[in-house]
Amino acid sequence: MHATPSFRLFSARALACALPLFLLLGSPSQAQTAASPSTPQPSPAPAVVKEPTEQTTQHIVVEDTATRIDEVRIGSETKSIDVQPKNGMPAYQVEPKSGERTWKVLGF
């Protein structure tokens, strides 16, 4: 019995696709074997400890005829905002994240 040309074509394509797969799976470099005791195991790399980078501290003062505002920034994050009105009102602090104002009632 003779194979039809379409069957031969199918067989050639199947072989061409399957052959690289069989070669890849059957190669000894890809095979996993148990480590023998004589083979030294590589030691894990030592952990790299990054030292914190030096962040710049900025003291920013903005003053006009009515108020004086002192702001402290570390890196790019605002840490504190102090407001001193010049019209005799008490000084207060502004929370940078929430915008909440707080006054010191008793200053020591």
C-alpha atoms as a PDB file:
ATOM      1  CA  MET A   1       0.000   0.000   0.000  1.00  0.00           C
ATOM      2  CA  HIS A   2       1.365   3.334  -1.030  1.00  0.00           C
ATOM      3  CA  ALA A   3       0.998   6.426   1.115  1.00  0.00           C
ATOM      4  CA  THR A   4      -0.808   9.308  -0.459  1.00  0.00           C
ATOM      5  CA  PRO A   5       1.133  12.536  -1.049  1.00  0.00           C
ATOM      6  CA  SER A   6      -0.876  14.386   1.601  1.00  0.00           C
ATOM      7  CA  PHE A   7      -0.004  11.718   4.196  1.00  0.00           C
ATOM      8  CA  ARG A   8       3.677  11.977   3.326  1.00  0.00           C
ATOM      9  CA  LEU A   9       3.469  15.741   3.663  1.00  0.00           C
ATOM     10  CA  PHE A  10       1.769  15.395   7.052  1.00  0.00           C
ATOM     11  CA  SER A  11       4.375  12.918   8.241  1.00  0.00           C
ATOM     12  CA  ALA A  12       7.234  15.149   7.124  1.00  0.00           C
ATOM     13  CA  ARG A  13       5.715  18.155   8.932  1.00  0.00           C
ATOM     14  CA  ALA A  14       5.066  16.147  12.095  1.00  0.00           C
ATOM     15  CA  LEU A  15       8.611  14.814  12.073  1.00  0.00           C
ATOM     16  CA  ALA A  16      10.063  18.284  11.438  1.00  0.00           C
ATOM     17  CA  CYS A  17       8.110  19.711  14.417  1.00  0.00           C
ATOM     18  CA  ALA A  18       8.693  16.809  16.787  1.00  0.00           C
ATOM     19  CA  LEU A  19      12.395  16.240  16.087  1.00  0.00           C
ATOM     20  CA  PRO A  20      13.691  19.447  17.765  1.00  0.00           C
ATOM     21  CA  LEU A  21      11.464  18.732  20.762  1.00  0.00           C
ATOM     22  CA  PHE A  22      12.831  15.203  21.150  1.00  0.00           C
ATOM     23  CA  LEU A  23      16.398  16.478  20.787  1.00  0.00           C
ATOM     24  CA  LEU A  24      15.836  19.157  23.386  1.00  0.00           C
ATOM     25  CA  LEU A  25      14.239  16.840  25.923  1.00  0.00           C
ATOM     26  CA  GLY A  26      16.746  14.090  25.365  1.00  0.00           C
ATOM     27  CA  SER A  27      19.918  16.161  25.636  1.00  0.00           C
ATOM     28  CA  PRO A  28      22.109  15.217  28.625  1.00  0.00           C
ATOM     29  CA  SER A  29      22.731  18.872  29.535  1.00  0.00           C
ATOM     30  CA  GLN A  30      19.051  19.305  30.323  1.00  0.00           C
ATOM     31  CA  ALA A  31      18.675  16.098  32.313  1.00  0.00           C
ATOM     32  CA  GLN A  32      18.363  16.514  36.059  1.00  0.00           C
ATOM     33  CA  THR A  33      20.473  14.182  38.137  1.00  0.00           C
ATOM     34  CA  ALA A  34      21.007  13.908  41.863  1.00  0.00           C
ATOM     35  CA  ALA A  35      24.042  15.848  43.067  1.00  0.00           C
ATOM     36  CA  SER A  36      26.874  13.584  44.061  1.00  0.00           C
ATOM     37  CA  PRO A  37      28.632  14.273  47.393  1.00  0.00           C
ATOM     38  CA  SER A  38      31.909  14.979  45.575  1.00  0.00           C
ATOM     39  CA  THR A  39      30.329  17.872  43.647  1.00  0.00           C
ATOM     40  CA  PRO A  40      30.768  21.078  45.685  1.00  0.00           C
ATOM     41  CA  GLN A  41      27.593  23.092  46.051  1.00  0.00           C
ATOM     42  CA  PRO A  42      27.926  26.811  45.348  1.00  0.00           C
ATOM     43  CA  SER A  43      27.533  28.892  48.474  1.00  0.00           C
ATOM     44  CA  PRO A  44      24.767  31.485  48.452  1.00  0.00           C
ATOM     45  CA  ALA A  45      25.872  34.994  47.613  1.00  0.00           C
ATOM     46  CA  PRO A  46      26.288  37.288  50.621  1.00  0.00           C
ATOM     47  CA  ALA A  47      23.409  39.682  51.137  1.00  0.00           C
ATOM     48  CA  VAL A  48      24.143  43.164  49.891  1.00  0.00           C
ATOM     49  CA  VAL A  49      23.275  45.757  52.510  1.00  0.00           C
ATOM     50  CA  LYS A  50      22.450  49.122  51.057  1.00  0.00           C
ATOM     51  CA  GLU A  51      23.185  52.010  53.327  1.00  0.00           C
ATOM     52  CA  PRO A  52      20.511  54.678  53.368  1.00  0.00           C
ATOM     53  CA  THR A  53      21.335  57.563  51.114  1.00  0.00           C
ATOM     54  CA  GLU A  54      21.958  60.926  52.688  1.00  0.00           C
ATOM     55  CA  GLN A  55      18.787  62.971  52.308  1.00  0.00           C
ATOM     56  CA  THR A  56      19.007  66.707  52.270  1.00  0.00           C
ATOM     57  CA  THR A  57      17.188  68.729  54.906  1.00  0.00           C
ATOM     58  CA  GLN A  58      15.673  72.016  53.751  1.00  0.00           C
ATOM     59  CA  HIS A  59      14.461  74.806  56.034  1.00  0.00           C
ATOM     60  CA  ILE A  60      12.171  77.018  53.966  1.00  0.00           C
ATOM     61  CA  VAL A  61      10.974  80.365  55.331  1.00  0.00           C
ATOM     62  CA  VAL A  62       8.234  82.341  53.613  1.00  0.00           C
ATOM     63  CA  GLU A  63       7.386  85.714  55.131  1.00  0.00           C
ATOM     64  CA  ASP A  64       5.003  88.478  54.177  1.00  0.00           C
ATOM     65  CA  THR A  65       3.436  91.376  56.064  1.00  0.00           C
ATOM     66  CA  ALA A  66       0.885  89.184  57.887  1.00  0.00           C
ATOM     67  CA  THR A  67       2.627  85.838  58.606  1.00  0.00           C
ATOM     68  CA  ARG A  68       5.867  83.919  58.770  1.00  0.00           C
ATOM     69  CA  ILE A  69       5.816  80.256  57.637  1.00  0.00           C
ATOM     70  CA  ASP A  70       8.670  77.880  58.510  1.00  0.00           C
ATOM     71  CA  GLU A  71       8.697  74.562  56.642  1.00  0.00           C
ATOM     72  CA  VAL A  72      11.082  71.615  57.134  1.00  0.00           C
ATOM     73  CA  ARG A  73      11.558  69.119  54.289  1.00  0.00           C
ATOM     74  CA  ILE A  74      13.653  65.975  54.402  1.00  0.00           C
ATOM     75  CA  GLY A  75      14.286  64.694  50.909  1.00  0.00           C
ATOM     76  CA  SER A  76      11.155  65.727  49.065  1.00  0.00           C
ATOM     77  CA  GLU A  77       8.739  65.075  51.944  1.00  0.00           C
ATOM     78  CA  THR A  78       7.433  67.890  54.146  1.00  0.00           C
ATOM     79  CA  LYS A  79       7.905  67.023  57.830  1.00  0.00           C
ATOM     80  CA  SER A  80       6.611  70.134  59.620  1.00  0.00           C
ATOM     81  CA  ILE A  81       4.963  73.482  58.930  1.00  0.00           C
ATOM     82  CA  ASP A  82       4.956  76.227  61.593  1.00  0.00           C
ATOM     83  CA  VAL A  83       2.903  79.389  61.084  1.00  0.00           C
ATOM     84  CA  GLN A  84       3.488  82.577  63.107  1.00  0.00           C
ATOM     85  CA  PRO A  85       0.908  85.320  62.460  1.00  0.00           C
ATOM     86  CA  LYS A  86       2.251  88.845  62.979  1.00  0.00           C
ATOM     87  CA  ASN A  87      -1.016  90.387  64.166  1.00  0.00           C
ATOM     88  CA  GLY A  88      -0.706  89.053  67.734  1.00  0.00           C
ATOM     89  CA  MET A  89      -2.511  85.757  67.127  1.00  0.00           C
ATOM     90  CA  PRO A  90      -0.926  82.574  68.564  1.00  0.00           C
ATOM     91  CA  ALA A  91       1.398  80.466  66.420  1.00  0.00           C
ATOM     92  CA  TYR A  92       0.193  77.079  65.163  1.00  0.00           C
ATOM     93  CA  GLN A  93       1.448  74.000  63.345  1.00  0.00           C
ATOM     94  CA  VAL A  94      -0.067  72.475  60.211  1.00  0.00           C
ATOM     95  CA  GLU A  95       0.010  68.676  59.788  1.00  0.00           C
ATOM     96  CA  PRO A  96       1.569  68.171  56.313  1.00  0.00           C
ATOM     97  CA  LYS A  97      -0.490  65.115  55.333  1.00  0.00           C
ATOM     98  CA  SER A  98      -3.929  66.065  56.630  1.00  0.00           C
ATOM     99  CA  GLY A  99      -3.726  69.877  56.750  1.00  0.00           C
ATOM    100  CA  GLU A 100      -4.986  69.856  60.360  1.00  0.00           C
ATOM    101  CA  ARG A 101      -3.980  72.861  62.476  1.00  0.00           C
ATOM    102  CA  THR A 102      -2.843  72.528  66.091  1.00  0.00           C
ATOM    103  CA  TRP A 103      -2.075  75.251  68.648  1.00  0.00           C
ATOM    104  CA  LYS A 104       0.140  74.989  71.695  1.00  0.00           C
ATOM    105  CA  VAL A 105      -1.958  76.057  74.644  1.00  0.00           C
ATOM    106  CA  LEU A 106       0.828  76.148  77.208  1.00  0.00           C
ATOM    107  CA  GLY A 107       4.281  76.898  75.834  1.00  0.00           C
ATOM    108  CA  PHE A 108       7.171  75.955  78.103  1.00  0.00           C
END
